[in-house]
N, C-alpha and C. Protein backbone atom coordinates (compact mmCIF):
# COMPACT_ATOMS: atom_id res chain seq x y z
N MET A 1 119.10 57.22 53.85
CA MET A 1 118.64 58.53 54.25
C MET A 1 117.32 58.44 55.01
N THR A 2 116.45 57.54 54.66
CA THR A 2 115.17 57.36 55.33
C THR A 2 115.38 56.97 56.79
N ILE A 3 116.36 56.13 57.05
CA ILE A 3 116.64 55.70 58.42
C ILE A 3 117.10 56.89 59.26
N LEU A 4 117.94 57.73 58.70
CA LEU A 4 118.41 58.91 59.43
C LEU A 4 117.25 59.87 59.72
N GLY A 5 116.37 60.04 58.78
CA GLY A 5 115.19 60.90 58.99
C GLY A 5 114.30 60.35 60.09
N ALA A 6 114.08 59.05 60.07
CA ALA A 6 113.26 58.41 61.09
C ALA A 6 113.91 58.53 62.47
N LEU A 7 115.22 58.33 62.52
CA LEU A 7 115.93 58.48 63.80
C LEU A 7 115.86 59.93 64.30
N GLY A 8 115.94 60.88 63.39
CA GLY A 8 115.82 62.29 63.77
C GLY A 8 114.46 62.60 64.34
N ILE A 9 113.41 62.08 63.69
CA ILE A 9 112.05 62.30 64.18
C ILE A 9 111.85 61.65 65.55
N ILE A 10 112.38 60.45 65.71
CA ILE A 10 112.28 59.75 67.00
C ILE A 10 113.02 60.54 68.08
N ALA A 11 114.19 61.06 67.74
CA ALA A 11 114.95 61.86 68.72
C ALA A 11 114.19 63.11 69.11
N ILE A 12 113.59 63.79 68.15
CA ILE A 12 112.83 65.01 68.44
C ILE A 12 111.61 64.69 69.29
N LEU A 13 110.88 63.64 68.93
CA LEU A 13 109.72 63.24 69.71
C LEU A 13 110.11 62.87 71.14
N GLY A 14 111.22 62.15 71.26
CA GLY A 14 111.71 61.78 72.59
C GLY A 14 112.05 62.99 73.42
N GLN A 15 112.74 63.94 72.81
CA GLN A 15 113.17 65.15 73.52
C GLN A 15 111.98 66.04 73.89
N GLU A 16 111.05 66.21 72.99
CA GLU A 16 109.96 67.15 73.21
C GLU A 16 108.75 66.58 73.96
N TYR A 17 108.53 65.28 73.87
CA TYR A 17 107.33 64.71 74.46
C TYR A 17 107.60 63.61 75.49
N VAL A 18 108.46 62.69 75.17
CA VAL A 18 108.70 61.56 76.06
C VAL A 18 109.49 61.99 77.30
N ARG A 19 110.55 62.75 77.10
CA ARG A 19 111.40 63.17 78.23
C ARG A 19 110.61 63.98 79.27
N PRO A 20 109.81 64.99 78.88
CA PRO A 20 109.03 65.71 79.89
C PRO A 20 108.00 64.82 80.59
N TRP A 21 107.38 63.94 79.84
CA TRP A 21 106.38 63.04 80.41
C TRP A 21 107.01 62.13 81.45
N VAL A 22 108.16 61.55 81.11
CA VAL A 22 108.87 60.66 82.05
C VAL A 22 109.31 61.45 83.29
N ALA A 23 109.87 62.64 83.07
CA ALA A 23 110.33 63.46 84.20
C ALA A 23 109.17 63.79 85.13
N GLU A 24 108.02 64.13 84.57
CA GLU A 24 106.86 64.44 85.41
C GLU A 24 106.42 63.22 86.20
N LYS A 25 106.40 62.06 85.57
CA LYS A 25 105.99 60.85 86.27
C LYS A 25 106.98 60.47 87.37
N VAL A 26 108.27 60.65 87.10
CA VAL A 26 109.30 60.28 88.07
C VAL A 26 109.31 61.24 89.27
N TYR A 27 109.20 62.54 89.03
CA TYR A 27 109.38 63.53 90.08
C TYR A 27 108.09 64.06 90.69
N ALA A 28 106.94 63.74 90.17
CA ALA A 28 105.67 64.36 90.60
C ALA A 28 105.42 64.20 92.10
N GLY A 29 105.57 63.01 92.63
CA GLY A 29 105.31 62.78 94.05
C GLY A 29 106.21 63.61 94.95
N GLU A 30 107.49 63.60 94.66
CA GLU A 30 108.46 64.38 95.44
C GLU A 30 108.18 65.87 95.30
N TYR A 31 107.86 66.32 94.10
CA TYR A 31 107.58 67.73 93.86
C TYR A 31 106.37 68.17 94.67
N MET A 32 105.32 67.38 94.66
CA MET A 32 104.11 67.73 95.40
C MET A 32 104.39 67.77 96.91
N ARG A 33 105.19 66.84 97.40
CA ARG A 33 105.55 66.83 98.82
C ARG A 33 106.30 68.11 99.18
N LEU A 34 107.27 68.48 98.34
CA LEU A 34 108.07 69.67 98.62
C LEU A 34 107.25 70.96 98.49
N VAL A 35 106.31 71.00 97.56
CA VAL A 35 105.42 72.16 97.45
C VAL A 35 104.68 72.34 98.76
N PHE A 36 104.12 71.26 99.26
CA PHE A 36 103.36 71.31 100.51
C PHE A 36 104.24 71.71 101.69
N GLU A 37 105.41 71.08 101.81
CA GLU A 37 106.29 71.35 102.95
C GLU A 37 106.86 72.76 102.91
N CYS A 38 107.21 73.25 101.73
CA CYS A 38 107.74 74.60 101.61
C CYS A 38 106.65 75.62 101.96
N ASP A 39 105.47 75.42 101.45
CA ASP A 39 104.38 76.33 101.75
C ASP A 39 104.05 76.29 103.24
N SER A 40 104.05 75.11 103.83
CA SER A 40 103.77 75.00 105.27
C SER A 40 104.83 75.71 106.09
N ALA A 41 106.09 75.58 105.69
CA ALA A 41 107.18 76.25 106.40
C ALA A 41 107.02 77.77 106.35
N MET A 42 106.65 78.29 105.18
CA MET A 42 106.44 79.73 105.07
C MET A 42 105.24 80.18 105.89
N HIS A 43 104.19 79.37 105.89
CA HIS A 43 102.99 79.70 106.64
C HIS A 43 103.28 79.70 108.15
N GLU A 44 104.04 78.70 108.61
CA GLU A 44 104.40 78.63 110.03
C GLU A 44 105.25 79.82 110.44
N GLU A 45 106.17 80.22 109.59
CA GLU A 45 107.02 81.38 109.91
C GLU A 45 106.17 82.64 110.00
N ALA A 46 105.21 82.79 109.10
CA ALA A 46 104.33 83.95 109.14
C ALA A 46 103.52 83.96 110.43
N ALA A 47 103.06 82.78 110.85
CA ALA A 47 102.30 82.69 112.10
C ALA A 47 103.18 83.04 113.29
N LEU A 48 104.43 82.60 113.29
CA LEU A 48 105.35 82.93 114.38
C LEU A 48 105.59 84.43 114.46
N ARG A 49 105.72 85.07 113.32
CA ARG A 49 105.96 86.52 113.30
C ARG A 49 104.83 87.28 114.00
N GLN A 50 103.62 86.78 113.87
CA GLN A 50 102.46 87.47 114.44
C GLN A 50 102.27 87.19 115.92
N GLN A 51 102.75 86.05 116.40
CA GLN A 51 102.43 85.63 117.76
C GLN A 51 103.49 85.96 118.80
N LEU A 52 104.72 86.13 118.40
CA LEU A 52 105.80 86.27 119.37
C LEU A 52 106.17 87.72 119.63
N ASP A 53 106.67 87.96 120.84
CA ASP A 53 107.20 89.29 121.12
C ASP A 53 108.62 89.38 120.56
N ASP A 54 109.18 90.56 120.57
CA ASP A 54 110.48 90.79 119.94
C ASP A 54 111.61 89.96 120.56
N ALA A 55 111.56 89.74 121.88
CA ALA A 55 112.65 89.03 122.55
C ALA A 55 112.74 87.57 122.12
N SER A 56 111.63 86.89 122.06
CA SER A 56 111.67 85.46 121.70
C SER A 56 111.56 85.23 120.20
N ARG A 57 111.16 86.26 119.47
CA ARG A 57 110.93 86.12 118.04
C ARG A 57 112.20 85.77 117.27
N SER A 58 113.30 86.44 117.55
CA SER A 58 114.48 86.31 116.69
C SER A 58 115.04 84.89 116.67
N LYS A 59 115.14 84.23 117.84
CA LYS A 59 115.71 82.89 117.87
C LYS A 59 114.78 81.88 117.17
N LEU A 60 113.51 81.91 117.50
CA LEU A 60 112.56 80.98 116.88
C LEU A 60 112.40 81.23 115.39
N LEU A 61 112.35 82.51 115.01
CA LEU A 61 112.23 82.82 113.58
C LEU A 61 113.47 82.41 112.82
N SER A 62 114.62 82.55 113.45
CA SER A 62 115.86 82.15 112.80
C SER A 62 115.86 80.65 112.54
N LEU A 63 115.47 79.87 113.55
CA LEU A 63 115.40 78.42 113.38
C LEU A 63 114.35 78.04 112.33
N SER A 64 113.19 78.67 112.41
CA SER A 64 112.13 78.41 111.45
C SER A 64 112.57 78.76 110.03
N ALA A 65 113.25 79.88 109.89
CA ALA A 65 113.72 80.30 108.58
C ALA A 65 114.75 79.34 108.02
N ASP A 66 115.64 78.85 108.89
CA ASP A 66 116.66 77.90 108.44
C ASP A 66 116.04 76.61 107.91
N VAL A 67 115.09 76.08 108.67
CA VAL A 67 114.42 74.84 108.25
C VAL A 67 113.63 75.09 106.98
N GLY A 68 112.89 76.19 106.96
CA GLY A 68 112.09 76.53 105.79
C GLY A 68 112.94 76.74 104.55
N MET A 69 114.08 77.39 104.71
CA MET A 69 114.95 77.64 103.57
C MET A 69 115.52 76.34 103.00
N MET A 70 115.83 75.38 103.86
CA MET A 70 116.34 74.09 103.36
C MET A 70 115.27 73.37 102.55
N ILE A 71 114.05 73.36 103.07
CA ILE A 71 112.95 72.71 102.36
C ILE A 71 112.66 73.43 101.05
N CYS A 72 112.58 74.75 101.11
CA CYS A 72 112.26 75.52 99.90
C CYS A 72 113.40 75.47 98.89
N HIS A 73 114.63 75.32 99.37
CA HIS A 73 115.76 75.16 98.46
C HIS A 73 115.64 73.84 97.69
N ASP A 74 115.28 72.77 98.40
CA ASP A 74 115.08 71.48 97.74
C ASP A 74 113.95 71.55 96.73
N TYR A 75 112.87 72.25 97.10
CA TYR A 75 111.74 72.45 96.18
C TYR A 75 112.20 73.18 94.93
N ASP A 76 112.95 74.26 95.12
CA ASP A 76 113.40 75.07 93.99
C ASP A 76 114.33 74.28 93.06
N LYS A 77 115.22 73.50 93.65
CA LYS A 77 116.13 72.68 92.84
C LYS A 77 115.35 71.65 92.02
N LEU A 78 114.38 70.99 92.64
CA LEU A 78 113.59 70.00 91.92
C LEU A 78 112.75 70.65 90.83
N ARG A 79 112.19 71.80 91.12
CA ARG A 79 111.41 72.54 90.12
C ARG A 79 112.28 72.86 88.91
N LYS A 80 113.49 73.34 89.15
CA LYS A 80 114.40 73.68 88.05
C LYS A 80 114.81 72.42 87.27
N THR A 81 115.03 71.33 87.97
CA THR A 81 115.35 70.07 87.30
C THR A 81 114.22 69.64 86.38
N MET A 82 113.00 69.74 86.88
CA MET A 82 111.85 69.35 86.07
C MET A 82 111.70 70.28 84.86
N LEU A 83 111.92 71.58 85.05
CA LEU A 83 111.86 72.51 83.93
C LEU A 83 112.94 72.19 82.89
N MET A 84 114.13 71.85 83.36
CA MET A 84 115.22 71.50 82.44
C MET A 84 114.90 70.24 81.64
N HIS A 85 114.10 69.36 82.22
CA HIS A 85 113.69 68.14 81.52
C HIS A 85 112.46 68.37 80.63
N GLY A 86 111.99 69.62 80.59
CA GLY A 86 110.91 69.96 79.67
C GLY A 86 109.51 69.95 80.24
N VAL A 87 109.37 69.73 81.55
CA VAL A 87 108.03 69.78 82.15
C VAL A 87 107.58 71.24 82.10
N SER A 88 106.38 71.47 81.65
CA SER A 88 105.90 72.85 81.47
C SER A 88 105.52 73.50 82.80
N GLU A 89 105.53 74.83 82.79
CA GLU A 89 105.08 75.60 83.95
C GLU A 89 103.63 75.25 84.29
N ASP A 90 102.82 75.04 83.26
CA ASP A 90 101.41 74.69 83.49
C ASP A 90 101.28 73.36 84.22
N ASN A 91 102.07 72.38 83.83
CA ASN A 91 102.01 71.08 84.50
C ASN A 91 102.51 71.18 85.95
N LEU A 92 103.54 71.99 86.17
CA LEU A 92 104.02 72.19 87.54
C LEU A 92 102.96 72.89 88.38
N ALA A 93 102.29 73.87 87.81
CA ALA A 93 101.21 74.56 88.52
C ALA A 93 100.08 73.59 88.86
N MET A 94 99.76 72.71 87.93
CA MET A 94 98.70 71.73 88.18
C MET A 94 99.09 70.78 89.32
N LEU A 95 100.35 70.37 89.37
CA LEU A 95 100.80 69.52 90.47
C LEU A 95 100.64 70.26 91.80
N GLY A 96 100.97 71.56 91.81
CA GLY A 96 100.79 72.35 93.02
C GLY A 96 99.33 72.44 93.44
N LEU A 97 98.44 72.58 92.47
CA LEU A 97 97.01 72.61 92.78
C LEU A 97 96.52 71.26 93.28
N ASN A 98 97.10 70.19 92.75
CA ASN A 98 96.72 68.86 93.21
C ASN A 98 97.03 68.67 94.70
N VAL A 99 98.07 69.33 95.17
CA VAL A 99 98.42 69.24 96.59
C VAL A 99 97.28 69.80 97.44
N LEU A 100 96.63 70.87 96.95
CA LEU A 100 95.50 71.43 97.67
C LEU A 100 94.41 70.39 97.88
N GLU A 101 94.16 69.62 96.85
CA GLU A 101 93.10 68.61 96.93
C GLU A 101 93.52 67.43 97.80
N ILE A 102 94.74 66.97 97.61
CA ILE A 102 95.21 65.80 98.36
C ILE A 102 95.33 66.11 99.85
N GLU A 103 95.92 67.25 100.17
CA GLU A 103 96.13 67.63 101.57
C GLU A 103 94.94 68.37 102.14
N GLN A 104 93.93 68.66 101.32
CA GLN A 104 92.72 69.35 101.72
C GLN A 104 93.03 70.69 102.39
N ILE A 105 93.89 71.45 101.73
CA ILE A 105 94.26 72.79 102.20
C ILE A 105 93.35 73.78 101.51
N THR A 106 92.87 74.76 102.27
CA THR A 106 92.04 75.78 101.64
C THR A 106 92.93 76.68 100.79
N VAL A 107 92.37 77.21 99.74
CA VAL A 107 93.12 78.09 98.85
C VAL A 107 93.60 79.32 99.61
N SER A 108 92.77 79.85 100.48
CA SER A 108 93.16 81.06 101.22
C SER A 108 94.38 80.80 102.10
N LYS A 109 94.47 79.62 102.68
CA LYS A 109 95.64 79.30 103.50
C LYS A 109 96.89 79.19 102.63
N MET A 110 96.76 78.58 101.47
CA MET A 110 97.90 78.43 100.57
C MET A 110 98.38 79.79 100.08
N VAL A 111 97.44 80.66 99.75
CA VAL A 111 97.79 81.97 99.22
C VAL A 111 98.31 82.90 100.31
N ASP A 112 97.78 82.79 101.50
CA ASP A 112 98.13 83.70 102.59
C ASP A 112 99.62 83.72 102.89
N ALA A 113 100.29 82.59 102.80
CA ALA A 113 101.72 82.54 103.09
C ALA A 113 102.55 83.32 102.10
N HIS A 114 101.99 83.62 100.94
CA HIS A 114 102.74 84.31 99.90
C HIS A 114 102.43 85.81 99.85
N ARG A 115 101.53 86.26 100.70
CA ARG A 115 101.19 87.68 100.71
C ARG A 115 102.27 88.45 101.43
N MET A 116 102.68 89.55 100.85
CA MET A 116 103.77 90.34 101.41
C MET A 116 103.30 91.25 102.54
N ASP A 117 102.01 91.52 102.67
CA ASP A 117 101.54 92.45 103.68
C ASP A 117 101.62 91.89 105.10
N ARG A 118 101.96 90.62 105.24
CA ARG A 118 102.04 90.02 106.56
C ARG A 118 103.32 90.39 107.30
N PHE A 119 104.27 91.04 106.63
CA PHE A 119 105.56 91.36 107.28
C PHE A 119 105.55 92.76 107.79
């Protein structure tokens, strides 16, 4: 019975602590890259919306949206995979903030792409 208890504790520790830690270490680099690329795609689309006239806007925005959606879709899938492996929302948020430091992006630029008043 002691062996079964020990195996149970090991399984719980593995599930609750080891699995999320490993998932974060394995996926962190890719996650940070996708956070940056998705945010950049949204920021570029917002900039295009402001600079183009109606005639040229639709084709360029359509292409920009398609590329951005593919990148952001990959980001979303990886985020969900990491959540399913137990990585916390707080740890994912910290990885996103780390991108600001690594890529030296200002906070206002990162936040601006997510503001709804730009449309």
